[in-house]
Amino acid sequence: MGLQHGELLADQIRELSEIRLHLACRFAKEHGVDVSREDCLKLARVHLPIHEEHCPEIVDEWRGIAGGAGMPIEDVFFANALTDFQDVLWQFSGVEVHGCTSFLVGPDATASGSAMIGQTWDMHASAERFISIFHRTPDDGPRSLTLTTAGCLTLIGVNSAGIAVGNTNLRPTDARPGVIYLALLHQALRQTEWRDAVSVITDTPRASGHNYMMGDESGARSDIETTAAQHEEFSIAAPWYVHSNHYLSEKLKPLEDPTVLRGSTEHRLARLASRMESHSEPFTPESLRRLLADHDGGDETGICRHGSGHNPRSCAFAVVDPKARTIHAALGPACEASLSEFRLAD
């Protein structure tokens, strides 16, 4: 699968890798941290053996991607790991988390009677043209339907066992060598049992912190906040639940980077919660898209962002239905999006 991926998107994979290596060095320098390209690749070489230990099949897939694209595996790995590595490369730099806004919706609150998870995917605007939907059919384990960027593992997805995953970024102070978040999401979709998928997130030694949204075809939903070394799982029973890019767990708040500027993440969380609360009809992918097409606060603090170049932008919007095994997705900010349905083939 990795070889096919690498051969099909070789030019995109090489270009995105170069962009992310450049951005890592540039962003670090802008915030007072001197980082070279070789520093980035050295960090990749430190992390790769940990992945060989905990998820060797995923390293095989990266190796295939690198071989198909004709480039070193360290370059591919760094492109996958940028969000986690920035916590190591320029920790305590006072950077605001420009991140995604996400939701979990219970089956009783949707028009289809299925649970749904979804989010905006906010990243450097130049990443948007590298986004694809992948249909994966491994020799061993469930098939999966995933949204991610060229050369990278699962970002948002669902598998044939009816398990769905998504995520938002968090900034803890305990980042370390460990398994990166895309590998954790990918590994979770290798599972056929709900609790096994949750355990991948909670029990694997992580490189840094993220918030993981997970849903099951049964209607079970969990939101898992993590640092590198700690986590807290919230089993969601409410009709809906929202998350952005700061810790809600009282246990984990002391481990949040104290220099992170919280204006955007707190505004987006409050704004989406208010809009969800006032929504009186059953939720659908289209109504959820409209809720996130919100510009209150503008590009600095709002949900729907329109940056260009390498500035923050809502590069995609996705809603995943684990029971139907579908992803409703669109490129670009939610206000401009025209949703397409992608269905995991039988």
Protein backbone atom coordinates (compact mmCIF):
# COMPACT_ATOMS: atom_id res chain seq x y z
CA MET A 1 0.00 0.00 0.00
CA GLY A 2 2.81 2.40 0.86
CA LEU A 3 4.58 1.71 -2.42
CA GLN A 4 1.42 2.37 -4.42
CA HIS A 5 0.83 5.55 -2.42
CA GLY A 6 4.40 6.73 -2.98
CA GLU A 7 4.41 6.02 -6.70
CA LEU A 8 1.01 7.61 -7.30
CA LEU A 9 1.74 10.85 -5.44
CA ALA A 10 5.55 11.03 -5.65
CA ASP A 11 5.77 14.66 -6.74
CA GLN A 12 3.30 15.81 -4.10
CA ILE A 13 5.02 13.83 -1.35
CA ARG A 14 8.43 15.30 -2.15
CA GLU A 15 7.03 18.83 -2.35
CA LEU A 16 5.05 18.62 0.90
CA SER A 17 8.06 17.18 2.72
CA GLU A 18 10.21 20.12 1.58
CA ILE A 19 7.52 22.61 2.59
CA ARG A 20 7.23 21.13 6.08
CA LEU A 21 10.97 20.97 6.66
CA HIS A 22 11.19 24.61 5.58
CA LEU A 23 8.26 25.65 7.78
CA ALA A 24 9.65 23.85 10.82
CA CYS A 25 12.91 25.76 10.55
CA ARG A 26 11.25 29.07 9.70
CA PHE A 27 8.62 28.94 12.44
CA ALA A 28 11.25 27.97 15.00
CA LYS A 29 13.52 30.86 13.99
CA GLU A 30 10.62 33.32 14.16
CA HIS A 31 10.12 32.32 17.79
CA GLY A 32 13.71 32.41 18.91
CA VAL A 33 14.74 28.78 18.36
CA ASP A 34 17.58 27.92 15.98
CA VAL A 35 16.68 24.72 14.10
CA SER A 36 18.32 23.37 10.95
CA ARG A 37 17.07 20.87 8.40
CA GLU A 38 19.56 18.34 9.78
CA ASP A 39 18.15 18.89 13.30
CA CYS A 40 14.71 17.98 11.95
CA LEU A 41 15.94 14.80 10.27
CA LYS A 42 18.00 13.84 13.31
CA LEU A 43 14.82 14.07 15.39
CA ALA A 44 13.11 11.78 12.86
CA ARG A 45 15.92 9.24 13.19
CA VAL A 46 15.50 9.27 16.99
CA HIS A 47 11.77 8.53 16.70
CA LEU A 48 11.74 5.89 13.97
CA PRO A 49 13.11 3.00 16.13
CA ILE A 50 10.32 3.63 18.65
CA HIS A 51 7.78 3.11 15.87
CA GLU A 52 9.62 -0.04 14.74
CA GLU A 53 9.06 -1.37 18.27
CA HIS A 54 5.41 -0.42 18.70
CA CYS A 55 3.95 -0.40 15.16
CA PRO A 56 6.33 -2.08 12.68
CA GLU A 57 3.61 -2.47 10.03
CA ILE A 58 3.23 1.30 9.94
CA VAL A 59 6.99 1.77 9.47
CA ASP A 60 6.77 -0.71 6.59
CA GLU A 61 4.09 1.48 5.04
CA TRP A 62 6.26 4.60 5.47
CA ARG A 63 9.16 2.68 3.96
CA GLY A 64 6.96 1.84 0.96
CA ILE A 65 5.84 5.48 0.60
CA ALA A 66 9.47 6.63 0.70
CA GLY A 67 10.56 4.00 -1.82
CA GLY A 68 7.69 4.79 -4.17
CA ALA A 69 8.45 8.52 -3.98
CA GLY A 70 12.21 8.00 -4.29
CA MET A 71 13.19 9.78 -1.09
CA PRO A 72 14.62 8.98 2.38
CA ILE A 73 12.19 7.63 4.96
CA GLU A 74 13.30 10.36 7.42
CA ASP A 75 11.90 13.03 5.10
CA VAL A 76 8.57 11.21 4.82
CA PHE A 77 8.43 10.65 8.56
CA PHE A 78 9.09 14.30 9.34
CA ALA A 79 6.23 15.39 7.08
CA ASN A 80 3.97 13.07 9.09
CA ALA A 81 5.31 14.28 12.42
CA LEU A 82 5.39 18.07 12.03
CA THR A 83 2.62 18.76 14.57
CA ASP A 84 4.25 16.60 17.25
CA PHE A 85 7.79 17.72 16.44
CA GLN A 86 6.98 21.41 16.76
CA ASP A 87 6.36 20.78 20.46
CA VAL A 88 9.98 19.60 20.73
CA LEU A 89 11.56 22.02 18.26
CA TRP A 90 10.15 25.24 19.68
CA GLN A 91 8.51 24.40 22.98
CA PHE A 92 7.76 27.36 25.28
CA SER A 93 7.90 29.79 22.37
CA GLY A 94 4.62 31.63 23.00
CA VAL A 95 2.97 30.46 19.77
CA GLU A 96 -0.82 30.37 19.59
CA VAL A 97 -2.22 26.99 18.63
CA HIS A 98 -3.86 27.51 15.25
CA GLY A 99 -5.84 24.32 15.19
CA CYS A 100 -8.99 22.47 14.36
CA THR A 101 -12.49 22.73 15.82
CA SER A 102 -14.20 19.38 16.36
CA PHE A 103 -17.42 17.71 17.50
CA LEU A 104 -18.98 14.40 18.51
CA VAL A 105 -22.72 13.90 17.94
CA GLY A 106 -24.76 11.03 19.37
CA PRO A 107 -27.11 8.84 17.31
CA ASP A 108 -30.21 10.30 18.98
CA ALA A 109 -29.24 13.77 17.75
CA THR A 110 -28.67 12.95 14.06
CA ALA A 111 -31.13 12.60 11.21
CA SER A 112 -29.57 9.25 10.22
CA GLY A 113 -29.69 7.75 13.72
CA SER A 114 -25.90 7.21 13.57
CA ALA A 115 -23.22 8.78 15.70
CA MET A 116 -21.00 11.27 13.85
CA ILE A 117 -17.61 12.79 14.49
CA GLY A 118 -16.14 15.66 12.53
CA GLN A 119 -14.00 18.74 12.38
CA THR A 120 -12.38 21.47 10.42
CA TRP A 121 -8.76 20.65 9.58
CA ASP A 122 -6.74 23.82 10.09
CA MET A 123 -3.13 23.84 8.90
CA HIS A 124 -0.75 25.96 6.86
CA ALA A 125 -2.79 26.99 3.81
CA SER A 126 -0.24 25.49 1.42
CA ALA A 127 -1.22 22.00 2.66
CA GLU A 128 -4.71 22.14 1.14
CA ARG A 129 -3.75 21.01 -2.37
CA PHE A 130 -2.04 17.90 -0.97
CA ILE A 131 -5.20 16.46 0.66
CA SER A 132 -6.60 13.16 -0.62
CA ILE A 133 -9.05 10.46 0.39
CA PHE A 134 -7.48 7.00 0.61
CA HIS A 135 -9.22 3.62 0.46
CA ARG A 136 -6.88 1.12 2.09
CA THR A 137 -7.18 -2.67 1.83
CA PRO A 138 -4.45 -4.32 3.93
CA ASP A 139 -3.63 -8.02 3.69
CA ASP A 140 -4.37 -8.33 7.40
CA GLY A 141 -6.94 -6.27 9.34
CA PRO A 142 -9.91 -4.07 8.49
CA ARG A 143 -10.14 -1.86 5.42
CA SER A 144 -10.18 1.88 6.00
CA LEU A 145 -11.29 5.11 4.39
CA THR A 146 -9.14 8.06 5.43
CA LEU A 147 -8.55 11.74 4.75
CA THR A 148 -4.95 12.89 4.93
CA THR A 149 -2.17 14.58 2.98
CA ALA A 150 0.20 13.09 0.40
CA GLY A 151 2.75 10.82 2.03
CA CYS A 152 1.02 10.80 5.40
CA LEU A 153 -0.98 8.35 7.49
CA THR A 154 -4.55 8.70 8.82
CA LEU A 155 -5.70 12.14 9.84
CA ILE A 156 -9.46 11.48 9.94
CA GLY A 157 -11.07 8.16 9.03
CA VAL A 158 -13.28 5.12 9.49
CA ASN A 159 -12.67 1.39 9.11
CA SER A 160 -14.76 -1.58 8.04
CA ALA A 161 -15.28 -2.57 11.71
CA GLY A 162 -17.24 0.67 12.25
CA ILE A 163 -14.62 2.60 14.20
CA ALA A 164 -14.03 6.29 13.40
CA VAL A 165 -11.23 8.64 14.48
CA GLY A 166 -10.32 12.33 14.31
CA ASN A 167 -8.15 14.74 16.29
CA THR A 168 -7.22 18.25 17.34
CA ASN A 169 -3.82 19.50 18.45
CA LEU A 170 -2.84 20.22 22.07
CA ARG A 171 0.40 21.67 23.45
CA PRO A 172 1.77 19.88 26.54
CA THR A 173 5.10 20.49 28.25
CA ASP A 174 6.21 16.84 28.29
CA ALA A 175 6.90 16.17 24.58
CA ARG A 176 9.48 13.41 24.14
CA PRO A 177 10.59 10.70 21.71
CA GLY A 178 7.52 8.51 21.18
CA VAL A 179 4.83 7.46 18.72
CA ILE A 180 3.41 10.36 16.68
CA TYR A 181 -0.29 11.11 16.46
CA LEU A 182 -0.84 10.05 12.82
CA ALA A 183 0.62 6.64 13.61
CA LEU A 184 -1.72 6.33 16.62
CA LEU A 185 -4.76 7.17 14.49
CA HIS A 186 -3.59 4.74 11.80
CA GLN A 187 -3.02 2.01 14.38
CA ALA A 188 -6.44 2.60 15.95
CA LEU A 189 -8.04 1.89 12.56
CA ARG A 190 -6.15 -1.42 12.42
CA GLN A 191 -8.37 -2.63 15.28
CA THR A 192 -11.70 -4.46 15.01
CA GLU A 193 -12.88 -3.92 18.60
CA TRP A 194 -13.86 -0.53 20.04
CA ARG A 195 -11.95 -0.79 23.31
CA ASP A 196 -8.84 -2.07 21.52
CA ALA A 197 -8.90 1.03 19.33
CA VAL A 198 -9.25 3.28 22.38
CA SER A 199 -6.37 1.44 24.07
CA VAL A 200 -4.06 2.23 21.16
CA ILE A 201 -4.45 5.91 22.02
CA THR A 202 -4.28 5.57 25.79
CA ASP A 203 -1.62 2.87 26.21
CA THR A 204 1.01 3.61 23.53
CA PRO A 205 3.97 5.81 24.55
CA ARG A 206 3.15 9.07 22.76
CA ALA A 207 5.49 11.73 21.39
CA SER A 208 3.30 14.65 22.44
CA GLY A 209 -0.27 15.67 23.19
CA HIS A 210 -3.39 15.62 21.05
CA ASN A 211 -7.11 15.36 21.58
CA TYR A 212 -8.58 12.24 19.96
CA MET A 213 -12.26 11.96 19.03
CA MET A 214 -13.46 8.41 18.52
CA GLY A 215 -16.81 6.92 17.57
CA ASP A 216 -18.15 3.42 17.08
CA GLU A 217 -21.02 2.03 14.99
CA SER A 218 -22.73 1.08 18.28
CA GLY A 219 -23.03 4.78 19.13
CA ALA A 220 -20.21 4.71 21.70
CA ARG A 221 -18.16 7.92 21.70
CA SER A 222 -14.99 8.93 23.51
CA ASP A 223 -12.95 12.08 23.66
CA ILE A 224 -9.38 11.41 24.83
CA GLU A 225 -7.11 14.24 25.88
CA THR A 226 -3.45 13.29 25.99
CA THR A 227 -0.06 14.62 26.87
CA ALA A 228 3.01 12.55 26.00
CA ALA A 229 2.84 10.63 29.29
CA GLN A 230 -0.71 11.10 30.60
CA HIS A 231 -4.29 10.98 29.34
CA GLU A 232 -7.91 11.33 30.36
CA GLU A 233 -10.77 9.65 28.52
CA PHE A 234 -14.24 11.20 28.54
CA SER A 235 -17.01 8.77 27.58
CA ILE A 236 -19.59 11.00 25.93
CA ALA A 237 -23.28 10.43 26.68
CA ALA A 238 -24.53 13.94 25.87
CA PRO A 239 -26.23 14.58 22.49
CA TRP A 240 -23.18 16.54 21.34
CA TYR A 241 -19.70 17.49 22.51
CA VAL A 242 -17.19 19.98 21.14
CA HIS A 243 -13.44 20.44 21.44
CA SER A 244 -10.77 22.79 20.14
CA ASN A 245 -7.11 23.15 21.15
CA HIS A 246 -6.83 23.51 24.90
CA TYR A 247 -7.12 21.04 27.76
CA LEU A 248 -10.46 20.61 29.50
CA SER A 249 -9.22 17.90 31.88
CA GLU A 250 -8.42 19.24 35.33
CA LYS A 251 -5.78 16.53 35.64
CA LEU A 252 -3.98 17.58 32.46
CA LYS A 253 -4.32 21.38 32.62
CA PRO A 254 -1.13 21.72 34.73
CA LEU A 255 0.80 20.08 31.86
CA GLU A 256 -0.38 22.54 29.21
CA ASP A 257 2.29 24.83 27.77
CA PRO A 258 1.70 28.05 29.78
CA THR A 259 2.92 30.28 26.93
CA VAL A 260 0.20 29.20 24.49
CA LEU A 261 -2.13 32.07 23.59
CA ARG A 262 -5.67 30.81 24.21
CA GLY A 263 -7.81 33.50 22.59
CA SER A 264 -8.62 31.55 19.44
CA THR A 265 -9.15 28.10 20.94
CA GLU A 266 -11.38 29.37 23.76
CA HIS A 267 -13.41 31.52 21.40
CA ARG A 268 -13.92 28.69 18.91
CA LEU A 269 -14.99 26.26 21.63
CA ALA A 270 -17.53 28.67 23.10
CA ARG A 271 -18.80 29.73 19.70
CA LEU A 272 -19.38 26.19 18.39
CA ALA A 273 -21.00 25.12 21.68
CA SER A 274 -23.41 28.05 21.42
CA ARG A 275 -24.27 27.25 17.82
CA MET A 276 -24.77 23.55 18.57
CA GLU A 277 -27.00 24.41 21.55
CA SER A 278 -29.25 26.66 19.46
CA HIS A 279 -29.59 24.15 16.62
CA SER A 280 -33.08 22.68 16.94
CA GLU A 281 -33.15 20.12 14.10
CA PRO A 282 -31.45 16.71 13.90
CA PHE A 283 -27.87 17.11 12.78
CA THR A 284 -26.78 16.18 9.25
CA PRO A 285 -23.36 16.53 7.58
CA GLU A 286 -24.65 19.59 5.75
CA SER A 287 -26.09 21.28 8.86
CA LEU A 288 -22.82 20.59 10.70
CA ARG A 289 -20.91 22.18 7.83
CA ARG A 290 -23.06 25.29 8.15
CA LEU A 291 -22.44 25.46 11.89
CA LEU A 292 -18.68 25.52 11.32
CA ALA A 293 -18.95 28.10 8.52
CA ASP A 294 -18.74 30.77 11.20
CA HIS A 295 -16.56 33.87 10.99
CA ASP A 296 -17.20 35.48 14.35
CA GLY A 297 -13.80 36.70 15.48
CA GLY A 298 -12.34 36.72 11.96
CA ASP A 299 -9.27 34.78 10.89
CA GLU A 300 -7.49 35.52 14.16
CA THR A 301 -9.92 33.70 16.47
CA GLY A 302 -12.80 32.40 14.33
CA ILE A 303 -13.80 28.84 13.44
CA CYS A 304 -13.73 29.27 9.65
CA ARG A 305 -10.33 30.56 8.53
CA HIS A 306 -9.17 31.87 5.18
CA GLY A 307 -5.40 32.27 5.39
CA SER A 308 -3.20 31.97 2.32
CA GLY A 309 0.40 30.98 1.65
CA HIS A 310 1.74 29.32 4.79
CA ASN A 311 -0.71 31.07 7.13
CA PRO A 312 -3.41 29.18 9.08
CA ARG A 313 -6.39 28.10 6.98
CA SER A 314 -9.32 25.72 7.32
CA CYS A 315 -7.98 23.41 4.62
CA ALA A 316 -10.77 20.83 4.83
CA PHE A 317 -13.98 19.88 6.60
CA ALA A 318 -15.08 16.30 7.30
CA VAL A 319 -17.92 14.40 8.98
CA VAL A 320 -17.44 10.68 9.63
CA ASP A 321 -20.29 8.22 10.18
CA PRO A 322 -18.90 4.96 11.65
CA LYS A 323 -22.14 3.02 11.14
CA ALA A 324 -22.51 3.94 7.46
CA ARG A 325 -18.70 3.80 6.95
CA THR A 326 -18.78 7.18 5.19
CA ILE A 327 -16.84 10.42 5.14
CA HIS A 328 -18.58 13.58 3.98
CA ALA A 329 -15.73 15.92 3.13
CA ALA A 330 -14.76 19.04 1.22
CA LEU A 331 -11.62 21.02 0.59
CA GLY A 332 -11.29 24.53 1.92
CA PRO A 333 -13.13 26.54 4.57
CA ALA A 334 -16.56 25.23 5.56
CA CYS A 335 -18.27 28.35 4.25
CA GLU A 336 -17.05 27.55 0.73
CA ALA A 337 -17.40 23.79 0.94
CA SER A 338 -19.51 21.58 -1.27
CA LEU A 339 -19.66 18.22 0.48
CA SER A 340 -18.92 14.97 -1.31
CA GLU A 341 -19.74 11.57 0.15
CA PHE A 342 -17.04 8.90 0.20
CA ARG A 343 -18.15 5.39 1.17
CA LEU A 344 -16.01 2.46 2.24
CA ALA A 345 -16.55 -0.16 -0.46
CA ASP A 346 -17.98 -3.54 0.49
